[in-house]
Amino acid sequence: MLTIRRWWSQYKYQALLMGMALGVAWFFRYTQGTAYFEVYRWLAQPFTVHPTQEAQITDARILELQARLAELESQNQQFQALLGYVASQPHKGMVAPIIGRSADHWWQQMTIGRGHLDQIQIGYIVAGPGGLAGRVIHVTDHTSRVLLISDHTSRVGAVVSRSRATGFIRGQGSSRAIMEFFDKDPDVRRGDLVSTSAFSQLFPPGVAIGRVESINLSKSPAPEAVIELAVPLSSLEAVLIYPHQPLSREGSAGQDSEVH
């Protein structure tokens, strides 16, 4: 007992300090430092500069202007790309804005701001930067509805530009489509370019569709290839429209089909 009293007399302050330190450490671990941050915030509050209402409004307006400027720059880049594509095409057409697109049918159809009053007719070709986007299937005075080549019901006669292997492309509801070949052993390679064929009923020949991404020659009943579509259908805001007169469907087989 005498030894404990002697030790306590000599080390009591160190023991108290250590006990306090352990208690504080346990408290912060248990509360995850919440109390500390609340005390710090309360003590620092008189020294914190709060923005005035006018400054907050100014900051909000600056943020709005920055967002509008970024949007205008993005639109300008898209229109520049489309105008460059228009200038490179042999056929004449008109540019039309996309004014409607349903989230439920994003890859199926879209509505453009041109119609009968702009001389638009059913069957007109719709293209974008990169190549084929779809075709006009319904027209009103001021608008037209476009069936996209990515629609599940879309069928497009196609040819591999390098080897002239032919087939048809069917939409998959995405930026990829499937090309089914007529030949059982087609000459096709990854990276080959694909365009509309001369056998297509609904589209003129030679319009770019996309690029071969992968090939499945053992697919039954016919070999298939996955095609990455050339036009960025998911982000289009304007398109090019030009005339095309679909061929008669009578007496034709294995070609693209019209869907309304």
Protein backbone atom coordinates (compact mmCIF):
# COMPACT_ATOMS: atom_id res chain seq x y z
CA MET A 1 0.00 0.00 0.00
CA LEU A 2 2.86 2.31 0.85
CA THR A 3 4.41 1.59 -2.53
CA ILE A 4 1.19 2.58 -4.39
CA ARG A 5 0.91 5.83 -2.42
CA ARG A 6 4.51 6.62 -3.14
CA TRP A 7 4.01 5.89 -6.90
CA TRP A 8 0.80 7.96 -6.99
CA SER A 9 2.51 10.87 -5.28
CA GLN A 10 5.27 10.79 -7.87
CA TYR A 11 3.27 10.09 -11.10
CA LYS A 12 -0.30 11.27 -10.40
CA TYR A 13 -0.16 14.19 -12.88
CA GLN A 14 1.19 11.98 -15.69
CA ALA A 15 -1.49 9.37 -14.93
CA LEU A 16 -4.26 11.97 -14.98
CA LEU A 17 -3.04 13.40 -18.28
CA MET A 18 -2.83 9.93 -19.84
CA GLY A 19 -6.31 9.09 -18.61
CA MET A 20 -7.70 12.32 -20.06
CA ALA A 21 -5.97 11.66 -23.39
CA LEU A 22 -7.41 8.13 -23.58
CA GLY A 23 -10.85 9.45 -22.66
CA VAL A 24 -10.76 12.15 -25.35
CA ALA A 25 -9.49 9.65 -27.93
CA TRP A 26 -12.32 7.24 -27.08
CA PHE A 27 -14.87 10.07 -27.21
CA PHE A 28 -13.75 11.20 -30.69
CA ARG A 29 -13.73 7.65 -31.96
CA TYR A 30 -17.23 7.04 -30.61
CA THR A 31 -18.68 10.30 -32.03
CA GLN A 32 -16.48 10.24 -35.18
CA GLY A 33 -15.36 13.81 -34.45
CA THR A 34 -18.83 15.32 -34.83
CA ALA A 35 -18.70 17.26 -31.59
CA TYR A 36 -15.26 18.66 -32.47
CA PHE A 37 -16.44 19.96 -35.83
CA GLU A 38 -19.56 21.50 -34.27
CA VAL A 39 -17.46 23.32 -31.67
CA TYR A 40 -15.00 24.47 -34.35
CA ARG A 41 -17.84 25.74 -36.54
CA TRP A 42 -19.39 27.62 -33.60
CA LEU A 43 -16.08 29.24 -32.66
CA ALA A 44 -15.21 30.14 -36.29
CA GLN A 45 -18.64 31.49 -37.19
CA PRO A 46 -17.94 35.13 -36.15
CA PHE A 47 -14.87 35.16 -38.40
CA THR A 48 -16.54 33.57 -41.44
CA VAL A 49 -17.47 35.89 -44.31
CA HIS A 50 -20.91 35.02 -45.71
CA PRO A 51 -21.71 36.03 -49.29
CA THR A 52 -24.41 38.65 -49.65
CA GLN A 53 -27.63 37.92 -51.52
CA GLU A 54 -26.44 40.14 -54.37
CA ALA A 55 -23.19 38.18 -54.65
CA GLN A 56 -25.10 34.89 -54.71
CA ILE A 57 -27.35 36.17 -57.52
CA THR A 58 -24.30 37.33 -59.48
CA ASP A 59 -22.62 33.94 -59.09
CA ALA A 60 -25.80 32.19 -60.25
CA ARG A 61 -25.99 34.41 -63.35
CA ILE A 62 -22.34 33.75 -64.18
CA LEU A 63 -22.93 30.00 -63.89
CA GLU A 64 -25.99 30.29 -66.15
CA LEU A 65 -24.02 32.22 -68.79
CA GLN A 66 -21.19 29.69 -68.67
CA ALA A 67 -23.68 26.85 -69.21
CA ARG A 68 -25.32 28.69 -72.14
CA LEU A 69 -21.93 29.39 -73.70
CA ALA A 70 -20.90 25.73 -73.40
CA GLU A 71 -24.21 24.67 -75.01
CA LEU A 72 -23.78 27.12 -77.91
CA GLU A 73 -20.21 25.93 -78.51
CA SER A 74 -21.42 22.31 -78.60
CA GLN A 75 -24.21 23.16 -81.04
CA ASN A 76 -21.79 25.13 -83.22
CA GLN A 77 -19.43 22.15 -83.43
CA GLN A 78 -22.31 19.86 -84.47
CA PHE A 79 -23.53 22.26 -87.17
CA GLN A 80 -19.98 22.79 -88.46
CA ALA A 81 -19.57 19.00 -88.77
CA LEU A 82 -22.92 18.72 -90.56
CA LEU A 83 -22.15 21.60 -92.94
CA GLY A 84 -18.80 19.97 -93.73
CA TYR A 85 -20.63 16.73 -94.53
CA VAL A 86 -23.16 18.61 -96.69
CA ALA A 87 -20.37 20.28 -98.67
CA SER A 88 -18.75 16.91 -99.37
CA GLN A 89 -21.90 15.30 -100.79
CA PRO A 90 -22.64 15.13 -104.54
CA HIS A 91 -26.39 15.49 -104.00
CA LYS A 92 -28.17 18.63 -102.87
CA GLY A 93 -30.23 18.60 -99.71
CA MET A 94 -31.52 20.73 -96.88
CA VAL A 95 -30.55 20.84 -93.23
CA ALA A 96 -33.33 20.17 -90.72
CA PRO A 97 -33.29 20.40 -86.92
CA ILE A 98 -34.38 17.44 -84.80
CA ILE A 99 -37.34 18.73 -82.79
CA GLY A 100 -38.71 15.58 -81.21
CA ARG A 101 -37.40 12.29 -79.89
CA SER A 102 -39.03 9.96 -77.38
CA ALA A 103 -36.92 8.37 -74.67
CA ASP A 104 -38.90 5.14 -75.20
CA HIS A 105 -38.11 5.16 -78.94
CA TRP A 106 -34.72 6.88 -78.93
CA TRP A 107 -33.15 4.42 -81.37
CA GLN A 108 -36.31 3.91 -83.42
CA GLN A 109 -37.67 7.24 -84.66
CA MET A 110 -37.26 11.00 -84.47
CA THR A 111 -39.16 14.08 -85.65
CA ILE A 112 -37.52 16.80 -87.74
CA GLY A 113 -38.63 20.38 -88.31
CA ARG A 114 -39.29 20.16 -92.05
CA GLY A 115 -42.45 19.05 -93.82
CA HIS A 116 -44.70 19.36 -96.86
CA LEU A 117 -44.22 23.13 -96.96
CA ASP A 118 -40.46 22.49 -97.41
CA GLN A 119 -41.18 20.01 -100.25
CA ILE A 120 -40.29 17.02 -98.06
CA GLN A 121 -41.84 13.71 -99.16
CA ILE A 122 -42.07 10.17 -97.85
CA GLY A 123 -38.99 8.20 -98.88
CA TYR A 124 -36.54 11.10 -98.61
CA ILE A 125 -33.13 10.08 -97.29
CA VAL A 126 -31.94 11.37 -93.90
CA ALA A 127 -28.19 11.55 -93.26
CA GLY A 128 -25.81 13.00 -90.71
CA PRO A 129 -22.08 13.43 -90.25
CA GLY A 130 -20.69 10.01 -91.18
CA GLY A 131 -23.43 8.72 -93.45
CA LEU A 132 -26.92 7.22 -93.40
CA ALA A 133 -29.29 7.93 -90.51
CA GLY A 134 -32.68 6.79 -91.84
CA ARG A 135 -35.57 7.75 -94.11
CA VAL A 136 -38.74 9.84 -93.95
CA ILE A 137 -41.84 7.69 -93.34
CA HIS A 138 -44.50 10.31 -92.47
CA VAL A 139 -44.91 14.00 -93.37
CA THR A 140 -47.10 16.85 -92.10
CA ASP A 141 -47.03 20.51 -93.18
CA HIS A 142 -44.21 21.45 -90.81
CA THR A 143 -42.67 18.20 -89.54
CA SER A 144 -41.55 14.77 -90.72
CA ARG A 145 -41.08 11.48 -88.90
CA VAL A 146 -37.89 9.55 -89.58
CA LEU A 147 -37.37 5.81 -89.21
CA LEU A 148 -33.77 5.33 -88.06
CA ILE A 149 -31.57 2.55 -89.42
CA SER A 150 -31.04 1.46 -85.81
CA ASP A 151 -34.75 0.53 -85.48
CA HIS A 152 -35.38 -3.21 -85.03
CA THR A 153 -37.72 -3.21 -88.05
CA SER A 154 -35.24 -1.40 -90.34
CA ARG A 155 -33.68 -3.36 -93.20
CA VAL A 156 -31.01 -1.85 -95.48
CA GLY A 157 -29.36 -3.53 -98.48
CA ALA A 158 -25.61 -3.27 -97.89
CA VAL A 159 -22.25 -4.09 -99.45
CA VAL A 160 -18.70 -4.38 -98.09
CA SER A 161 -16.79 -1.71 -100.02
CA ARG A 162 -13.51 -3.65 -100.25
CA SER A 163 -14.75 -7.07 -101.39
CA ARG A 164 -18.28 -6.23 -102.66
CA ALA A 165 -19.76 -8.94 -100.41
CA THR A 166 -23.47 -8.18 -100.14
CA GLY A 167 -26.20 -8.67 -97.59
CA PHE A 168 -28.63 -6.62 -95.56
CA ILE A 169 -28.37 -4.72 -92.31
CA ARG A 170 -30.97 -4.91 -89.56
CA GLY A 171 -31.15 -2.48 -86.65
CA GLN A 172 -30.51 -3.55 -83.07
CA GLY A 173 -31.82 -0.55 -81.16
CA SER A 174 -28.32 0.75 -80.47
CA SER A 175 -25.25 2.21 -82.18
CA ARG A 176 -24.50 -1.29 -83.54
CA ALA A 177 -26.36 -3.17 -86.26
CA ILE A 178 -26.16 -6.68 -87.70
CA MET A 179 -25.21 -7.40 -91.32
CA GLU A 180 -26.44 -10.75 -92.59
CA PHE A 181 -24.60 -11.93 -95.72
CA PHE A 182 -26.12 -13.65 -98.73
CA ASP A 183 -22.92 -15.62 -99.43
CA LYS A 184 -22.13 -18.56 -97.12
CA ASP A 185 -18.44 -17.65 -97.11
CA PRO A 186 -18.22 -13.86 -97.56
CA ASP A 187 -14.92 -12.03 -97.93
CA VAL A 188 -15.18 -9.69 -94.94
CA ARG A 189 -12.64 -8.44 -92.41
CA ARG A 190 -12.75 -6.46 -89.20
CA GLY A 191 -12.49 -2.77 -90.10
CA ASP A 192 -14.10 -3.09 -93.56
CA LEU A 193 -16.34 -0.18 -94.55
CA VAL A 194 -19.98 -0.89 -95.36
CA SER A 195 -22.31 1.20 -97.52
CA THR A 196 -25.72 0.89 -99.16
CA SER A 197 -25.77 -1.49 -102.11
CA ALA A 198 -27.03 -1.03 -105.66
CA PHE A 199 -29.69 -3.66 -104.87
CA SER A 200 -31.26 -1.50 -102.16
CA GLN A 201 -34.86 -0.53 -102.91
CA LEU A 202 -35.24 2.27 -100.38
CA PHE A 203 -31.79 3.89 -100.37
CA PRO A 204 -29.43 5.13 -103.09
CA PRO A 205 -26.19 3.14 -103.52
CA GLY A 206 -22.89 4.19 -102.00
CA VAL A 207 -24.13 5.89 -98.81
CA ALA A 208 -21.86 5.09 -95.88
CA ILE A 209 -23.42 2.96 -93.14
CA GLY A 210 -20.58 1.95 -90.86
CA ARG A 211 -17.60 -0.27 -90.18
CA VAL A 212 -17.27 -3.99 -89.45
CA GLU A 213 -16.56 -4.49 -85.76
CA SER A 214 -16.68 -8.29 -85.49
CA ILE A 215 -17.57 -11.31 -87.65
CA ASN A 216 -19.32 -14.62 -87.02
CA LEU A 217 -18.93 -16.83 -90.10
CA SER A 218 -20.40 -19.87 -88.32
CA LYS A 219 -23.68 -18.13 -87.57
CA SER A 220 -26.74 -20.04 -88.85
CA PRO A 221 -28.58 -19.72 -91.18
CA ALA A 222 -26.15 -17.13 -92.63
CA PRO A 223 -22.83 -15.51 -91.63
CA GLU A 224 -23.18 -12.24 -89.71
CA ALA A 225 -21.09 -9.23 -88.79
CA VAL A 226 -21.58 -6.58 -86.14
CA ILE A 227 -21.51 -3.13 -87.75
CA GLU A 228 -20.62 0.02 -85.84
CA LEU A 229 -22.88 2.69 -87.35
CA ALA A 230 -21.05 5.69 -88.79
CA VAL A 231 -23.58 8.35 -87.75
CA PRO A 232 -23.68 9.26 -84.02
CA LEU A 233 -27.43 8.66 -83.79
CA SER A 234 -27.55 9.07 -80.01
CA SER A 235 -26.36 12.70 -80.10
CA LEU A 236 -27.70 14.09 -83.39
CA GLU A 237 -29.35 17.53 -83.22
CA ALA A 238 -29.69 18.24 -86.95
CA VAL A 239 -29.69 16.17 -90.14
CA LEU A 240 -29.43 16.48 -93.93
CA ILE A 241 -32.47 15.51 -96.04
CA TYR A 242 -32.41 14.87 -99.77
CA PRO A 243 -34.76 13.31 -102.34
CA HIS A 244 -34.86 9.66 -103.28
CA GLN A 245 -37.54 7.73 -105.13
CA PRO A 246 -37.87 4.18 -103.73
CA LEU A 247 -37.93 1.36 -106.29
CA SER A 248 -40.88 -0.96 -106.70
CA ARG A 249 -40.91 -3.88 -104.27
CA GLU A 250 -42.52 -6.28 -106.71
CA GLY A 251 -40.39 -9.19 -107.83
CA SER A 252 -37.56 -8.43 -105.40
CA ALA A 253 -36.14 -10.67 -102.70
CA GLY A 254 -33.47 -10.36 -100.04
CA GLN A 255 -33.49 -6.57 -100.19
CA ASP A 256 -34.41 -3.87 -97.72
CA SER A 257 -38.08 -3.50 -96.82
CA GLU A 258 -40.27 -0.49 -96.22
CA VAL A 259 -41.71 -0.04 -92.75
CA HIS A 260 -44.31 2.58 -91.78
